[in-house]
Structures are given as C-alpha cells and as structure tokens.
N, C-alpha and C. Protein backbone atom coordinates (compact mmCIF):
# COMPACT_ATOMS: atom_id res chain seq x y z
N MET A 1 -4.61 8.79 0.65
CA MET A 1 -3.78 7.71 0.19
C MET A 1 -3.37 6.87 1.40
N VAL A 2 -3.63 5.60 1.35
CA VAL A 2 -3.34 4.71 2.47
C VAL A 2 -2.21 3.77 2.07
N ARG A 3 -1.30 3.55 3.00
CA ARG A 3 -0.17 2.66 2.74
C ARG A 3 -0.66 1.22 2.60
N PRO A 4 0.02 0.41 1.78
CA PRO A 4 -0.38 -0.99 1.61
C PRO A 4 -0.33 -1.79 2.91
N ALA A 5 0.64 -1.49 3.78
CA ALA A 5 0.72 -2.22 5.04
C ALA A 5 -0.52 -1.97 5.90
N LEU A 6 -1.01 -0.75 5.89
CA LEU A 6 -2.21 -0.43 6.65
C LEU A 6 -3.43 -1.12 6.05
N LYS A 7 -3.48 -1.18 4.73
CA LYS A 7 -4.59 -1.89 4.08
C LYS A 7 -4.58 -3.37 4.44
N ARG A 8 -3.37 -3.97 4.56
CA ARG A 8 -3.28 -5.37 4.96
C ARG A 8 -3.87 -5.57 6.35
N GLU A 9 -3.55 -4.64 7.25
CA GLU A 9 -4.08 -4.74 8.61
C GLU A 9 -5.61 -4.60 8.62
N VAL A 10 -6.13 -3.70 7.78
CA VAL A 10 -7.58 -3.50 7.72
C VAL A 10 -8.26 -4.75 7.17
N VAL A 11 -7.66 -5.37 6.17
CA VAL A 11 -8.21 -6.61 5.62
C VAL A 11 -8.24 -7.70 6.69
N ALA A 12 -7.18 -7.81 7.45
CA ALA A 12 -7.15 -8.80 8.54
C ALA A 12 -8.22 -8.49 9.58
N TYR A 13 -8.42 -7.22 9.89
CA TYR A 13 -9.45 -6.83 10.85
C TYR A 13 -10.84 -7.19 10.34
N ILE A 14 -11.11 -6.90 9.07
CA ILE A 14 -12.42 -7.21 8.48
C ILE A 14 -12.67 -8.71 8.50
N MET A 15 -11.62 -9.49 8.18
CA MET A 15 -11.78 -10.95 8.17
C MET A 15 -12.10 -11.48 9.56
N SER A 16 -11.44 -10.95 10.58
CA SER A 16 -11.65 -11.50 11.92
C SER A 16 -12.95 -11.02 12.56
N HIS A 17 -13.32 -9.77 12.36
CA HIS A 17 -14.49 -9.22 13.05
C HIS A 17 -15.81 -9.45 12.31
N TYR A 18 -15.76 -9.51 11.01
CA TYR A 18 -17.00 -9.68 10.24
C TYR A 18 -17.13 -11.06 9.62
N ASP A 19 -16.18 -11.94 9.90
CA ASP A 19 -16.23 -13.32 9.45
C ASP A 19 -16.39 -13.42 7.93
N LEU A 20 -15.56 -12.65 7.21
CA LEU A 20 -15.54 -12.70 5.75
C LEU A 20 -14.27 -13.40 5.29
N ASN A 21 -14.35 -13.97 4.09
CA ASN A 21 -13.13 -14.56 3.55
C ASN A 21 -12.23 -13.45 2.98
N MET A 22 -10.99 -13.83 2.67
CA MET A 22 -10.02 -12.83 2.24
C MET A 22 -10.40 -12.18 0.92
N ARG A 23 -10.96 -12.94 0.02
CA ARG A 23 -11.33 -12.39 -1.28
C ARG A 23 -12.34 -11.25 -1.14
N ARG A 24 -13.35 -11.45 -0.34
CA ARG A 24 -14.37 -10.42 -0.16
C ARG A 24 -13.82 -9.21 0.60
N ALA A 25 -12.99 -9.47 1.61
CA ALA A 25 -12.40 -8.37 2.38
C ALA A 25 -11.48 -7.52 1.50
N ARG A 26 -10.72 -8.19 0.64
CA ARG A 26 -9.85 -7.43 -0.28
C ARG A 26 -10.67 -6.63 -1.27
N ARG A 27 -11.77 -7.20 -1.73
CA ARG A 27 -12.63 -6.48 -2.68
C ARG A 27 -13.24 -5.25 -2.03
N LEU A 28 -13.62 -5.35 -0.75
CA LEU A 28 -14.15 -4.19 -0.03
C LEU A 28 -13.10 -3.07 0.08
N MET A 29 -11.85 -3.46 0.26
CA MET A 29 -10.77 -2.47 0.41
C MET A 29 -10.17 -2.07 -0.94
N LYS A 30 -10.64 -2.69 -2.02
CA LYS A 30 -10.12 -2.45 -3.37
C LYS A 30 -8.60 -2.66 -3.41
N GLN A 31 -8.22 -3.84 -2.95
CA GLN A 31 -6.82 -4.20 -2.87
C GLN A 31 -6.55 -5.44 -3.70
N SER A 32 -5.44 -5.46 -4.41
CA SER A 32 -5.12 -6.62 -5.24
C SER A 32 -4.50 -7.72 -4.39
N ARG A 33 -4.50 -8.92 -4.94
CA ARG A 33 -3.97 -10.06 -4.22
C ARG A 33 -2.46 -9.94 -4.01
N SER A 34 -1.75 -9.37 -4.99
CA SER A 34 -0.30 -9.25 -4.87
C SER A 34 0.10 -8.34 -3.71
N VAL A 35 -0.69 -7.31 -3.45
CA VAL A 35 -0.39 -6.42 -2.33
C VAL A 35 -0.60 -7.15 -1.01
N GLN A 36 -1.59 -8.00 -0.95
CA GLN A 36 -1.89 -8.71 0.29
C GLN A 36 -0.78 -9.69 0.67
N TYR A 37 -0.19 -10.35 -0.31
CA TYR A 37 0.80 -11.38 -0.03
C TYR A 37 2.24 -10.89 -0.15
N TYR A 38 2.46 -9.62 -0.44
CA TYR A 38 3.80 -9.09 -0.64
C TYR A 38 4.58 -9.04 0.68
N HIS A 39 5.82 -9.51 0.65
CA HIS A 39 6.73 -9.40 1.79
C HIS A 39 7.97 -8.67 1.31
N SER A 40 8.35 -7.62 1.99
CA SER A 40 9.50 -6.82 1.60
C SER A 40 10.78 -7.62 1.77
N VAL A 41 11.68 -7.49 0.81
CA VAL A 41 12.96 -8.18 0.88
C VAL A 41 14.10 -7.18 1.06
N LYS A 42 13.78 -5.92 1.22
CA LYS A 42 14.79 -4.88 1.33
C LYS A 42 15.43 -4.91 2.72
N ASP A 43 16.75 -4.84 2.74
CA ASP A 43 17.50 -4.83 3.99
C ASP A 43 17.59 -3.39 4.49
N PRO A 44 17.07 -3.09 5.68
CA PRO A 44 17.09 -1.70 6.14
C PRO A 44 18.47 -1.21 6.58
N LYS A 45 19.44 -2.12 6.76
CA LYS A 45 20.82 -1.76 7.15
C LYS A 45 20.85 -0.90 8.40
N GLN A 46 20.20 -1.38 9.43
CA GLN A 46 20.11 -0.61 10.67
C GLN A 46 21.47 -0.40 11.33
N ALA A 47 22.35 -1.39 11.28
CA ALA A 47 23.66 -1.24 11.90
C ALA A 47 24.48 -0.15 11.21
N LEU A 48 24.42 -0.14 9.88
CA LEU A 48 25.14 0.88 9.11
C LEU A 48 24.58 2.27 9.38
N ARG A 49 23.25 2.37 9.44
CA ARG A 49 22.62 3.66 9.74
C ARG A 49 23.02 4.16 11.12
N GLY A 50 23.04 3.26 12.08
CA GLY A 50 23.43 3.64 13.43
C GLY A 50 24.86 4.13 13.50
N ARG A 51 25.75 3.43 12.79
CA ARG A 51 27.16 3.83 12.77
C ARG A 51 27.33 5.19 12.09
N MET A 52 26.59 5.43 11.02
CA MET A 52 26.64 6.73 10.35
C MET A 52 26.16 7.83 11.29
N ARG A 53 25.09 7.56 12.02
CA ARG A 53 24.55 8.54 12.95
C ARG A 53 25.57 8.87 14.04
N GLU A 54 26.23 7.83 14.57
CA GLU A 54 27.25 8.05 15.60
C GLU A 54 28.40 8.91 15.06
N SER A 55 28.86 8.58 13.85
CA SER A 55 29.96 9.34 13.26
C SER A 55 29.56 10.79 13.03
N ALA A 56 28.35 11.00 12.53
CA ALA A 56 27.92 12.36 12.23
C ALA A 56 27.68 13.17 13.50
N GLN A 57 27.30 12.52 14.59
CA GLN A 57 27.07 13.27 15.83
C GLN A 57 28.38 13.60 16.54
N THR A 58 29.35 12.70 16.48
CA THR A 58 30.62 13.00 17.14
C THR A 58 31.46 13.96 16.31
N LEU A 59 31.43 13.81 15.00
CA LEU A 59 32.19 14.68 14.09
C LEU A 59 31.19 15.54 13.33
N VAL A 60 30.74 16.60 13.95
CA VAL A 60 29.58 17.35 13.47
C VAL A 60 29.82 17.97 12.10
N ARG A 61 31.02 18.43 11.82
CA ARG A 61 31.27 19.14 10.58
C ARG A 61 31.57 18.22 9.40
N TYR A 62 31.49 16.91 9.59
CA TYR A 62 31.76 15.99 8.49
C TYR A 62 30.50 15.78 7.66
N GLY A 63 30.66 15.82 6.36
CA GLY A 63 29.56 15.55 5.45
C GLY A 63 29.52 14.08 5.08
N TYR A 64 28.69 13.75 4.09
CA TYR A 64 28.53 12.34 3.74
C TYR A 64 29.79 11.78 3.11
N ARG A 65 30.57 12.60 2.41
CA ARG A 65 31.78 12.09 1.77
C ARG A 65 32.80 11.66 2.81
N ARG A 66 32.99 12.47 3.84
CA ARG A 66 33.96 12.15 4.87
C ARG A 66 33.48 10.96 5.71
N VAL A 67 32.19 10.91 5.99
CA VAL A 67 31.63 9.78 6.73
C VAL A 67 31.79 8.50 5.91
N HIS A 68 31.64 8.62 4.59
CA HIS A 68 31.82 7.46 3.71
C HIS A 68 33.24 6.93 3.80
N VAL A 69 34.23 7.83 3.82
CA VAL A 69 35.63 7.42 3.93
C VAL A 69 35.87 6.72 5.27
N LEU A 70 35.32 7.26 6.34
CA LEU A 70 35.48 6.65 7.67
C LEU A 70 34.88 5.25 7.72
N LEU A 71 33.69 5.09 7.10
CA LEU A 71 33.04 3.78 7.09
C LEU A 71 33.86 2.77 6.29
N LYS A 72 34.42 3.21 5.15
CA LYS A 72 35.26 2.31 4.34
C LYS A 72 36.49 1.86 5.13
N ARG A 73 37.07 2.79 5.90
CA ARG A 73 38.24 2.43 6.72
C ARG A 73 37.90 1.42 7.80
N GLU A 74 36.66 1.49 8.29
CA GLU A 74 36.23 0.54 9.32
C GLU A 74 35.84 -0.82 8.75
N GLY A 75 35.76 -0.92 7.42
CA GLY A 75 35.48 -2.20 6.79
C GLY A 75 34.05 -2.38 6.29
N TRP A 76 33.25 -1.33 6.32
CA TRP A 76 31.87 -1.42 5.82
C TRP A 76 31.90 -1.44 4.30
N GLN A 77 31.04 -2.26 3.70
CA GLN A 77 30.90 -2.30 2.25
C GLN A 77 29.80 -1.33 1.86
N VAL A 78 30.17 -0.11 1.52
CA VAL A 78 29.18 0.91 1.18
C VAL A 78 29.75 1.79 0.09
N GLY A 79 28.92 2.07 -0.91
CA GLY A 79 29.31 2.97 -1.98
C GLY A 79 28.97 4.41 -1.63
N LYS A 80 29.52 5.35 -2.39
CA LYS A 80 29.28 6.75 -2.04
C LYS A 80 27.85 7.17 -2.31
N ASN A 81 27.22 6.60 -3.33
CA ASN A 81 25.81 6.95 -3.59
C ASN A 81 24.91 6.40 -2.48
N GLN A 82 25.21 5.20 -2.03
CA GLN A 82 24.43 4.61 -0.94
C GLN A 82 24.67 5.40 0.34
N ALA A 83 25.90 5.82 0.56
CA ALA A 83 26.21 6.63 1.74
C ALA A 83 25.43 7.94 1.70
N TYR A 84 25.36 8.56 0.54
CA TYR A 84 24.61 9.82 0.40
C TYR A 84 23.12 9.59 0.66
N ARG A 85 22.57 8.50 0.12
CA ARG A 85 21.14 8.22 0.30
C ARG A 85 20.82 7.98 1.78
N LEU A 86 21.62 7.16 2.45
CA LEU A 86 21.38 6.89 3.87
C LEU A 86 21.59 8.14 4.71
N TYR A 87 22.59 8.93 4.37
CA TYR A 87 22.89 10.18 5.08
C TYR A 87 21.71 11.14 4.97
N SER A 88 21.11 11.20 3.79
CA SER A 88 19.96 12.08 3.58
C SER A 88 18.72 11.54 4.29
N GLU A 89 18.50 10.23 4.23
CA GLU A 89 17.32 9.64 4.88
C GLU A 89 17.37 9.80 6.39
N GLU A 90 18.58 9.78 6.96
CA GLU A 90 18.73 9.97 8.40
C GLU A 90 18.71 11.45 8.78
N GLN A 91 18.58 12.32 7.80
CA GLN A 91 18.54 13.77 7.98
C GLN A 91 19.76 14.28 8.74
N LEU A 92 20.93 13.86 8.26
CA LEU A 92 22.18 14.28 8.87
C LEU A 92 22.83 15.41 8.10
N GLN A 93 22.08 16.08 7.22
CA GLN A 93 22.66 17.12 6.39
C GLN A 93 23.25 18.23 7.24
N LEU A 94 24.35 18.76 6.76
CA LEU A 94 24.97 19.87 7.46
C LEU A 94 24.12 21.12 7.30
N ARG A 95 24.11 21.92 8.33
CA ARG A 95 23.42 23.20 8.22
C ARG A 95 24.27 24.13 7.37
N SER A 96 23.61 24.89 6.53
CA SER A 96 24.37 25.85 5.74
C SER A 96 24.77 27.02 6.63
N LYS A 97 25.93 27.58 6.36
CA LYS A 97 26.41 28.69 7.17
C LYS A 97 25.59 29.93 6.89
N LEU A 98 25.34 30.69 7.92
CA LEU A 98 24.62 31.94 7.74
C LEU A 98 25.55 32.96 7.10
N PRO A 99 25.04 33.79 6.18
CA PRO A 99 25.92 34.78 5.57
C PRO A 99 26.34 35.83 6.59
N ARG A 100 27.57 36.27 6.47
CA ARG A 100 28.09 37.27 7.40
C ARG A 100 27.45 38.61 7.08
N ARG A 101 27.12 39.33 8.12
CA ARG A 101 26.52 40.63 7.92
C ARG A 101 27.58 41.65 7.56
N ARG A 102 27.24 42.51 6.65
CA ARG A 102 28.17 43.54 6.23
C ARG A 102 28.09 44.73 7.17
N ARG A 103 29.22 45.28 7.44
CA ARG A 103 29.24 46.48 8.26
C ARG A 103 29.12 47.70 7.36
N TRP A 104 28.27 48.56 7.75
CA TRP A 104 28.12 49.79 7.00
C TRP A 104 29.04 50.83 7.61
N SER A 105 29.83 51.45 6.78
CA SER A 105 30.74 52.45 7.32
C SER A 105 30.22 53.87 7.16
C-alpha cells in the first residue's frame, strides 16, 4: 500500500524523466485525478502539540485531563476529546504502574 503523497511524487518523476503527460503517468500509477490535485486543509496544530509535549515532560505524572486543564488556563482553545487525540498521537501516555510483588510468608 503506497501513500497518495508518494504516488504524486512518482507521477511527477515519470512526467519529468519519461516526457509523458499527466494523464498517461497517472494511468500508469493507477491514480485518480482527484488524488493528484488534492491539497490537505487540515491544521496540524504544531504549537499546541509542542506545548502539550512540554507540559507532559515537565509534569510527568499528569495525564491528558490535567494537561487539558492547564492548556485551558493558558488560553488555548482545545476540547477534551481533541486533547486526548493529540496526547495519544504524541505518544505521551502514562506508563501503567507495575503490580507490587507479594511477599510470601
């Protein structure tokens, strides 16, 4: 499975090196026209992600709920579901505690 962005690059490479038009290059790659011209409109929110990372690294035992409260106090417009999604994508999950070993008497 190849990502659409990589297919776009391959189509551009085929067009430049083999002197083919875009239609033929797309047909060789079995790519639709909509994929070729698509531009992402999603905001990656890099500043918010960076601030979450800083908070989670300085306050190690805080989970996404506490980080969400801190961000709201700082003035960030973020919901708790979005905070959870970004927290998970940045892999800031807390480690689960190891179970205590029982002593045998």
